[in-house]
PDB file of N, CA and C in Angstrom:
ATOM      1  N   MET A   1     100.621 119.084 107.668  1.00  0.00           N
ATOM      2  CA  MET A   1     100.316 119.867 107.003  1.00  0.00           C
ATOM      3  C   MET A   1      98.652 119.240 106.883  1.00  0.00           C
ATOM      4  N   LYS A   2      97.134 120.416 106.447  1.00  0.00           N
ATOM      5  CA  LYS A   2      96.262 120.284 106.392  1.00  0.00           C
ATOM      6  C   LYS A   2      95.494 120.710 105.133  1.00  0.00           C
ATOM      7  N   ILE A   3      95.028 120.459 104.868  1.00  0.00           N
ATOM      8  CA  ILE A   3      94.116 121.319 104.244  1.00  0.00           C
ATOM      9  C   ILE A   3      92.156 120.946 103.862  1.00  0.00           C
ATOM     10  N   ALA A   4      91.706 122.092 103.992  1.00  0.00           N
ATOM     11  CA  ALA A   4      90.413 121.785 104.519  1.00  0.00           C
ATOM     12  C   ALA A   4      89.918 121.161 103.313  1.00  0.00           C
ATOM     13  N   ILE A   5      89.178 120.556 102.929  1.00  0.00           N
ATOM     14  CA  ILE A   5      87.612 120.345 101.669  1.00  0.00           C
ATOM     15  C   ILE A   5      86.257 120.320 102.225  1.00  0.00           C
ATOM     16  N   ARG A   6      85.276 120.204 101.195  1.00  0.00           N
ATOM     17  CA  ARG A   6      84.370 120.876 101.747  1.00  0.00           C
ATOM     18  C   ARG A   6      83.754 119.306 101.212  1.00  0.00           C
ATOM     19  N   TYR A   7      82.099 118.911 102.603  1.00  0.00           N
ATOM     20  CA  TYR A   7      82.104 117.620 102.732  1.00  0.00           C
ATOM     21  C   TYR A   7      81.340 117.040 101.265  1.00  0.00           C
ATOM     22  N   ASP A   8      81.111 117.489  99.920  1.00  0.00           N
ATOM     23  CA  ASP A   8      80.765 116.811  99.146  1.00  0.00           C
ATOM     24  C   ASP A   8      81.721 116.581  98.404  1.00  0.00           C
ATOM     25  N   VAL A   9      82.870 117.070  98.759  1.00  0.00           N
ATOM     26  CA  VAL A   9      83.610 116.138  97.794  1.00  0.00           C
ATOM     27  C   VAL A   9      84.818 115.450  98.418  1.00  0.00           C
ATOM     28  N   ALA A  10      84.412 115.806  99.683  1.00  0.00           N
ATOM     29  CA  ALA A  10      84.472 114.056 100.396  1.00  0.00           C
ATOM     30  C   ALA A  10      83.810 112.692 100.386  1.00  0.00           C
ATOM     31  N   ALA A  11      82.505 112.821 100.537  1.00  0.00           N
ATOM     32  CA  ALA A  11      81.817 112.084  99.865  1.00  0.00           C
ATOM     33  C   ALA A  11      81.799 111.708  98.588  1.00  0.00           C
ATOM     34  N   GLU A  12      81.704 111.986  97.847  1.00  0.00           N
ATOM     35  CA  GLU A  12      82.478 110.972  96.356  1.00  0.00           C
ATOM     36  C   GLU A  12      83.854 111.060  96.203  1.00  0.00           C
ATOM     37  N   ARG A  13      84.933 111.419  96.424  1.00  0.00           N
ATOM     38  CA  ARG A  13      86.199 111.258  96.947  1.00  0.00           C
ATOM     39  C   ARG A  13      86.016 109.555  97.434  1.00  0.00           C
ATOM     40  N   HIS A  14      85.887 109.805  98.965  1.00  0.00           N
ATOM     41  CA  HIS A  14      86.004 108.825  99.816  1.00  0.00           C
ATOM     42  C   HIS A  14      85.312 107.881 100.294  1.00  0.00           C
ATOM     43  N   PRO A  15      83.661 107.271  99.779  1.00  0.00           N
ATOM     44  CA  PRO A  15      82.451 107.308 100.587  1.00  0.00           C
ATOM     45  C   PRO A  15      82.676 106.485 101.947  1.00  0.00           C
ATOM     46  N   GLU A  16      83.466 105.401 101.578  1.00  0.00           N
ATOM     47  CA  GLU A  16      83.498 104.057 102.368  1.00  0.00           C
ATOM     48  C   GLU A  16      84.333 104.992 103.850  1.00  0.00           C
ATOM     49  N   ALA A  17      85.363 105.567 103.292  1.00  0.00           N
ATOM     50  CA  ALA A  17      86.057 106.198 104.837  1.00  0.00           C
ATOM     51  C   ALA A  17      84.573 106.778 105.383  1.00  0.00           C
ATOM     52  N   ILE A  18      84.726 107.530 104.705  1.00  0.00           N
ATOM     53  CA  ILE A  18      83.291 108.636 105.849  1.00  0.00           C
ATOM     54  C   ILE A  18      82.278 107.655 106.055  1.00  0.00           C
ATOM     55  N   ALA A  19      81.693 106.694 105.654  1.00  0.00           N
ATOM     56  CA  ALA A  19      81.090 105.575 106.323  1.00  0.00           C
ATOM     57  C   ALA A  19      81.987 105.208 107.989  1.00  0.00           C
ATOM     58  N   LYS A  20      83.033 104.573 107.563  1.00  0.00           N
ATOM     59  CA  LYS A  20      83.782 104.139 108.418  1.00  0.00           C
ATOM     60  C   LYS A  20      83.842 105.127 109.918  1.00  0.00           C
ATOM     61  N   ILE A  21      84.083 105.900 109.522  1.00  0.00           N
ATOM     62  CA  ILE A  21      84.663 107.179 110.554  1.00  0.00           C
ATOM     63  C   ILE A  21      83.292 108.075 111.014  1.00  0.00           C
ATOM     64  N   MET A  22      81.871 107.983 110.383  1.00  0.00           N
ATOM     65  CA  MET A  22      80.757 107.901 111.154  1.00  0.00           C
ATOM     66  C   MET A  22      80.333 106.875 111.971  1.00  0.00           C
ATOM     67  N   ALA A  23      80.814 105.697 111.909  1.00  0.00           N
ATOM     68  CA  ALA A  23      80.279 104.353 112.468  1.00  0.00           C
ATOM     69  C   ALA A  23      80.991 104.898 114.453  1.00  0.00           C
ATOM     70  N   LYS A  24      82.567 105.173 113.774  1.00  0.00           N
ATOM     71  CA  LYS A  24      82.980 104.807 114.741  1.00  0.00           C
ATOM     72  C   LYS A  24      82.632 106.092 116.298  1.00  0.00           C
ATOM     73  N   LEU A  25      82.079 107.242 115.102  1.00  0.00           N
ATOM     74  CA  LEU A  25      82.193 108.688 116.156  1.00  0.00           C
ATOM     75  C   LEU A  25      80.750 108.267 116.937  1.00  0.00           C
ATOM     76  N   ARG A  26      79.952 107.632 115.691  1.00  0.00           N
ATOM     77  CA  ARG A  26      79.171 107.202 116.322  1.00  0.00           C
ATOM     78  C   ARG A  26      78.817 105.919 117.813  1.00  0.00           C
ATOM     79  N   LYS A  27      80.150 105.864 117.799  1.00  0.00           N
ATOM     80  CA  LYS A  27      79.908 104.152 118.924  1.00  0.00           C
ATOM     81  C   LYS A  27      81.092 105.002 120.308  1.00  0.00           C
ATOM     82  N   GLY A  28      81.599 106.310 119.651  1.00  0.00           N
ATOM     83  CA  GLY A  28      82.795 107.047 121.152  1.00  0.00           C
ATOM     84  C   GLY A  28      81.099 108.026 121.294  1.00  0.00           C
ATOM     85  N   LYS A  29      82.085 108.181 122.434  1.00  0.00           N
ATOM     86  CA  LYS A  29      81.791 108.982 123.229  1.00  0.00           C
ATOM     87  C   LYS A  29      81.835 110.515 123.026  1.00  0.00           C
ATOM     88  N   SER A  30      82.193 110.809 121.974  1.00  0.00           N
ATOM     89  CA  SER A  30      82.632 112.253 121.688  1.00  0.00           C
ATOM     90  C   SER A  30      80.809 113.843 121.849  1.00  0.00           C
ATOM     91  N   LYS A  31      81.268 114.484 122.074  1.00  0.00           N
ATOM     92  CA  LYS A  31      80.420 114.899 122.070  1.00  0.00           C
ATOM     93  C   LYS A  31      79.619 115.357 120.344  1.00  0.00           C
ATOM     94  N   HIS A  32      80.433 115.186 119.521  1.00  0.00           N
ATOM     95  CA  HIS A  32      79.751 115.197 118.442  1.00  0.00           C
ATOM     96  C   HIS A  32      79.327 114.175 117.814  1.00  0.00           C
ATOM     97  N   ARG A  33      79.315 113.070 119.109  1.00  0.00           N
ATOM     98  CA  ARG A  33      78.458 111.824 118.227  1.00  0.00           C
ATOM     99  C   ARG A  33      77.176 111.577 117.618  1.00  0.00           C
ATOM    100  N   GLU A  34      76.254 112.905 117.595  1.00  0.00           N
ATOM    101  CA  GLU A  34      75.112 112.691 117.091  1.00  0.00           C
ATOM    102  C   GLU A  34      75.142 113.910 116.144  1.00  0.00           C
ATOM    103  N   ALA A  35      76.542 114.196 115.863  1.00  0.00           N
ATOM    104  CA  ALA A  35      76.536 115.398 114.382  1.00  0.00           C
ATOM    105  C   ALA A  35      76.429 114.821 113.385  1.00  0.00           C
ATOM    106  N   CYS A  36      75.618 115.697 112.206  1.00  0.00           N
ATOM    107  CA  CYS A  36      75.280 114.958 110.913  1.00  0.00           C
ATOM    108  C   CYS A  36      76.887 115.208 110.005  1.00  0.00           C
ATOM    109  N   ALA A  37      77.090 113.682 109.013  1.00  0.00           N
ATOM    110  CA  ALA A  37      78.345 114.133 108.398  1.00  0.00           C
ATOM    111  C   ALA A  37      78.866 115.796 108.000  1.00  0.00           C
ATOM    112  N   GLN A  38      77.200 116.504 107.062  1.00  0.00           N
ATOM    113  CA  GLN A  38      77.840 117.123 106.697  1.00  0.00           C
ATOM    114  C   GLN A  38      78.221 118.488 107.402  1.00  0.00           C
ATOM    115  N   ASP A  39      78.063 118.512 108.958  1.00  0.00           N
ATOM    116  CA  ASP A  39      78.367 119.808 110.058  1.00  0.00           C
ATOM    117  C   ASP A  39      79.453 119.700 110.209  1.00  0.00           C
ATOM    118  N   LEU A  40      80.112 118.402 110.572  1.00  0.00           N
ATOM    119  CA  LEU A  40      81.561 117.852 110.252  1.00  0.00           C
ATOM    120  C   LEU A  40      82.587 118.982 109.655  1.00  0.00           C
ATOM    121  N   HIS A  41      84.353 119.108 110.286  1.00  0.00           N
ATOM    122  CA  HIS A  41      84.957 119.718 109.829  1.00  0.00           C
ATOM    123  C   HIS A  41      85.653 118.627 108.786  1.00  0.00           C
ATOM    124  N   TRP A  42      86.295 118.307 107.313  1.00  0.00           N
ATOM    125  CA  TRP A  42      86.768 117.430 106.686  1.00  0.00           C
ATOM    126  C   TRP A  42      88.105 118.261 105.758  1.00  0.00           C
ATOM    127  N   GLU A  43      88.960 117.323 106.456  1.00  0.00           N
ATOM    128  CA  GLU A  43      90.030 117.901 105.657  1.00  0.00           C
ATOM    129  C   GLU A  43      91.157 116.539 105.637  1.00  0.00           C
ATOM    130  N   TYR A  44      92.594 116.448 104.460  1.00  0.00           N
ATOM    131  CA  TYR A  44      93.448 115.933 104.322  1.00  0.00           C
ATOM    132  C   TYR A  44      93.922 116.288 105.389  1.00  0.00           C
ATOM    133  N   SER A  45      95.283 115.139 105.953  1.00  0.00           N
ATOM    134  CA  SER A  45      96.554 115.445 106.797  1.00  0.00           C
ATOM    135  C   SER A  45      97.672 114.823 105.583  1.00  0.00           C
ATOM    136  N   TYR A  46      98.845 115.878 105.727  1.00  0.00           N
ATOM    137  CA  TYR A  46      99.572 114.850 104.876  1.00  0.00           C
ATOM    138  C   TYR A  46     101.131 115.371 105.222  1.00  0.00           C
ATOM    139  N   CYS A  47     102.122 114.768 104.673  1.00  0.00           N
ATOM    140  CA  CYS A  47     102.964 115.455 105.313  1.00  0.00           C
ATOM    141  C   CYS A  47     104.510 115.151 104.211  1.00  0.00           C
ATOM    142  N   ILE A  48     105.587 115.609 104.034  1.00  0.00           N
ATOM    143  CA  ILE A  48     106.741 115.066 103.184  1.00  0.00           C
ATOM    144  C   ILE A  48     107.656 114.485 103.683  1.00  0.00           C
ATOM    145  N   SER A  49     108.239 113.551 103.420  1.00  0.00           N
ATOM    146  CA  SER A  49     109.312 112.958 104.208  1.00  0.00           C
ATOM    147  C   SER A  49     110.804 113.438 103.361  1.00  0.00           C
ATOM    148  N   VAL A  50     111.438 113.223 103.810  1.00  0.00           N
ATOM    149  CA  VAL A  50     112.778 114.092 103.671  1.00  0.00           C
ATOM    150  C   VAL A  50     113.880 112.988 103.818  1.00  0.00           C
ATOM    151  N   GLN A  51     114.171 112.639 103.305  1.00  0.00           N
ATOM    152  CA  GLN A  51     115.638 111.450 103.371  1.00  0.00           C
ATOM    153  C   GLN A  51     116.903 111.921 102.804  1.00  0.00           C
ATOM    154  N   SER A  52     118.140 111.874 102.735  1.00  0.00           N
ATOM    155  CA  SER A  52     119.437 111.952 102.973  1.00  0.00           C
ATOM    156  C   SER A  52     119.974 110.418 102.911  1.00  0.00           C
ATOM    157  N   GLY A  53     121.021 110.769 102.339  1.00  0.00           N
ATOM    158  CA  GLY A  53     122.308 110.278 102.300  1.00  0.00           C
ATOM    159  C   GLY A  53     123.522 110.174 103.506  1.00  0.00           C
ATOM    160  N   SER A  54     124.203 109.047 103.025  1.00  0.00           N
ATOM    161  CA  SER A  54     125.746 109.920 103.556  1.00  0.00           C
ATOM    162  C   SER A  54     126.073 110.956 102.748  1.00  0.00           C
ATOM    163  N   LEU A  55     127.738 111.310 103.455  1.00  0.00           N
ATOM    164  CA  LEU A  55     128.339 112.731 102.635  1.00  0.00           C
ATOM    165  C   LEU A  55     129.446 111.708 101.815  1.00  0.00           C
ATOM    166  N   ALA A  56     129.387 110.793 102.111  1.00  0.00           N
ATOM    167  CA  ALA A  56     130.449 110.182 100.883  1.00  0.00           C
ATOM    168  C   ALA A  56     129.604 109.642  99.453  1.00  0.00           C
ATOM    169  N   ASP A  57     127.885 109.245  99.557  1.00  0.00           N
ATOM    170  CA  ASP A  57     127.246 109.110  98.496  1.00  0.00           C
ATOM    171  C   ASP A  57     126.764 110.426  98.047  1.00  0.00           C
ATOM    172  N   LEU A  58     126.543 111.177  98.867  1.00  0.00           N
ATOM    173  CA  LEU A  58     126.510 112.907  98.253  1.00  0.00           C
ATOM    174  C   LEU A  58     127.745 113.254  97.260  1.00  0.00           C
ATOM    175  N   ILE A  59     128.884 112.305  97.370  1.00  0.00           N
ATOM    176  CA  ILE A  59     130.296 112.847  96.948  1.00  0.00           C
ATOM    177  C   ILE A  59     130.630 111.719  95.768  1.00  0.00           C
ATOM    178  N   ALA A  60     130.036 110.539  96.045  1.00  0.00           N
ATOM    179  CA  ALA A  60     130.042 109.611  94.649  1.00  0.00           C
ATOM    180  C   ALA A  60     128.872 110.144  93.558  1.00  0.00           C
ATOM    181  N   GLU A  61     127.463 110.949  94.232  1.00  0.00           N
ATOM    182  CA  GLU A  61     126.929 110.828  93.252  1.00  0.00           C
ATOM    183  C   GLU A  61     125.987 110.168  93.764  1.00  0.00           C
ATOM    184  N   LYS A  62     125.854 108.815  94.312  1.00  0.00           N
ATOM    185  CA  LYS A  62     125.409 107.605  94.216  1.00  0.00           C
ATOM    186  C   LYS A  62     123.618 108.187  94.264  1.00  0.00           C
ATOM    187  N   PRO A  63     122.877 107.944  93.413  1.00  0.00           N
ATOM    188  CA  PRO A  63     121.432 108.404  93.866  1.00  0.00           C
ATOM    189  C   PRO A  63     120.001 107.538  94.669  1.00  0.00           C
ATOM    190  N   GLN A  64     119.901 108.453  94.939  1.00  0.00           N
ATOM    191  CA  GLN A  64     119.124 108.052  96.155  1.00  0.00           C
ATOM    192  C   GLN A  64     117.635 107.086  95.839  1.00  0.00           C
ATOM    193  N   PRO A  65     117.218 106.238  96.482  1.00  0.00           N
ATOM    194  CA  PRO A  65     115.943 105.003  95.775  1.00  0.00           C
ATOM    195  C   PRO A  65     114.833 106.207  96.372  1.00  0.00           C
ATOM    196  N   LEU A  66     114.034 106.459  95.465  1.00  0.00           N
ATOM    197  CA  LEU A  66     112.553 107.142  95.122  1.00  0.00           C
ATOM    198  C   LEU A  66     111.864 106.136  95.909  1.00  0.00           C
ATOM    199  N   SER A  67     111.076 106.344  96.768  1.00  0.00           N
ATOM    200  CA  SER A  67     110.173 105.613  97.214  1.00  0.00           C
ATOM    201  C   SER A  67     108.382 106.585  97.706  1.00  0.00           C
ATOM    202  N   SER A  68     107.320 105.710  98.133  1.00  0.00           N
ATOM    203  CA  SER A  68     106.469 106.867  98.130  1.00  0.00           C
ATOM    204  C   SER A  68     105.627 106.045  99.313  1.00  0.00           C
ATOM    205  N   ARG A  69     105.429 106.546 100.585  1.00  0.00           N
ATOM    206  CA  ARG A  69     104.204 106.558 101.199  1.00  0.00           C
ATOM    207  C   ARG A  69     102.870 106.860 101.892  1.00  0.00           C
ATOM    208  N   THR A  70     102.383 106.217 101.837  1.00  0.00           N
ATOM    209  CA  THR A  70     100.744 106.943 102.277  1.00  0.00           C
ATOM    210  C   THR A  70     100.489 106.292 104.071  1.00  0.00           C
ATOM    211  N   SER A  71      99.427 106.945 104.105  1.00  0.00           N
ATOM    212  CA  SER A  71      99.053 106.260 105.537  1.00  0.00           C
ATOM    213  C   SER A  71      97.800 106.830 106.018  1.00  0.00           C
ATOM    214  N   THR A  72      97.103 106.049 106.273  1.00  0.00           N
ATOM    215  CA  THR A  72      95.555 106.222 106.875  1.00  0.00           C
ATOM    216  C   THR A  72      95.694 106.627 108.474  1.00  0.00           C
ATOM    217  N   LYS A  73      96.174 106.474 108.571  1.00  0.00           N
ATOM    218  CA  LYS A  73      96.603 106.105 110.335  1.00  0.00           C
ATOM    219  C   LYS A  73      96.885 107.703 111.130  1.00  0.00           C
ATOM    220  N   ARG A  74      96.452 107.690 112.349  1.00  0.00           N
ATOM    221  CA  ARG A  74      96.707 108.851 112.620  1.00  0.00           C
ATOM    222  C   ARG A  74      97.329 108.662 114.061  1.00  0.00           C
TER     223      ARG A  74
END
């Protein structure tokens, strides 16, 4: 899922990430490599992972471990 955010919000929350993204964009061959950061589309991309146990675990009401995973890679 994706949520669009304004550039000023992204710049306030993630200035280092924007600097890295813009540096990588400038080095590449994209048609947008000369674009200003303010003119680009900024968004969060995320997903929800659903884990399940075995039927035996569900019947025994064995608790499932909670985990949190985050990734900045695409």
